[in-house]
Amino acid sequence: MAVVYVWRIVEALYFQAPVEGEGPTSEAPIQMLLVTGFVALLNIYFGLFPQVPLELANSAAALLLEGSK
């Protein structure tokens, strides 16, 4: 399934003619850049220190398993 989605991107990038009449592109708004940078830093932090998400996931799983009994 993933190959189909990736192939659609490759097809659009390499095998279709570019859209005419598009204006020049500019930098993203500062708010979007700040949020993207913040999420990237969180991604790195939680990749290096996964204790917090793991504890939350374990707690949630324990609550769900208690409720199913």
Protein backbone atom coordinates (compact mmCIF):
# COMPACT_ATOMS: atom_id res chain seq x y z
CA MET A 1 0.00 0.00 0.00
CA ALA A 2 2.82 2.39 0.84
CA VAL A 3 4.44 1.75 -2.54
CA VAL A 4 1.25 2.89 -4.28
CA TYR A 5 1.22 6.17 -2.35
CA VAL A 6 4.92 6.79 -2.89
CA TRP A 7 4.58 5.97 -6.58
CA ARG A 8 1.86 8.61 -6.94
CA ILE A 9 4.27 11.21 -5.57
CA VAL A 10 7.07 10.06 -7.88
CA GLU A 11 4.68 10.14 -10.82
CA ALA A 12 3.57 13.70 -10.01
CA LEU A 13 7.14 14.90 -9.52
CA TYR A 14 8.83 13.31 -12.50
CA PHE A 15 6.25 12.36 -15.12
CA GLN A 16 3.76 15.23 -15.20
CA ALA A 17 4.30 18.65 -16.72
CA PRO A 18 4.68 21.50 -14.23
CA VAL A 19 1.64 23.67 -13.57
CA GLU A 20 1.91 26.98 -15.40
CA GLY A 21 0.81 30.25 -13.89
CA GLU A 22 1.97 29.55 -10.36
CA GLY A 23 3.36 32.57 -8.55
CA PRO A 24 6.76 32.60 -6.88
CA THR A 25 7.04 30.70 -3.64
CA SER A 26 8.10 32.32 -0.41
CA GLU A 27 9.13 31.27 3.07
CA ALA A 28 6.51 29.77 5.37
CA PRO A 29 4.98 32.03 8.03
CA ILE A 30 7.03 32.38 11.22
CA GLN A 31 4.34 30.67 13.33
CA MET A 32 4.51 27.58 11.15
CA LEU A 33 8.31 27.54 11.32
CA LEU A 34 8.25 27.84 15.12
CA VAL A 35 5.73 25.02 15.54
CA THR A 36 7.65 22.80 13.11
CA GLY A 37 10.92 23.45 14.96
CA PHE A 38 9.29 22.78 18.32
CA VAL A 39 7.80 19.47 17.14
CA ALA A 40 11.15 18.47 15.62
CA LEU A 41 12.91 19.14 18.94
CA LEU A 42 10.25 17.15 20.83
CA ASN A 43 10.69 14.30 18.37
CA ILE A 44 14.43 14.21 19.04
CA TYR A 45 13.94 14.54 22.81
CA PHE A 46 11.40 11.72 23.05
CA GLY A 47 13.58 9.60 20.76
CA LEU A 48 16.51 9.96 23.15
CA PHE A 49 14.49 9.86 26.40
CA PRO A 50 11.40 7.69 25.83
CA GLN A 51 10.54 7.22 29.52
CA VAL A 52 7.64 9.72 29.61
CA PRO A 53 5.72 8.35 26.59
CA LEU A 54 6.39 4.78 27.71
CA GLU A 55 5.05 5.45 31.20
CA LEU A 56 1.95 7.11 29.76
CA ALA A 57 1.38 4.22 27.36
CA ASN A 58 1.83 1.64 30.12
CA SER A 59 -0.60 3.50 32.40
CA ALA A 60 -3.19 3.74 29.64
CA ALA A 61 -2.80 0.05 28.77
CA ALA A 62 -3.18 -0.93 32.42
CA LEU A 63 -6.35 1.15 32.75
CA LEU A 64 -7.80 -0.37 29.59
CA LEU A 65 -6.97 -3.90 30.69
CA GLU A 66 -8.54 -3.34 34.12
CA GLY A 67 -11.73 -2.08 32.51
CA SER A 68 -12.06 -5.13 30.25
CA LYS A 69 -12.20 -7.63 33.16
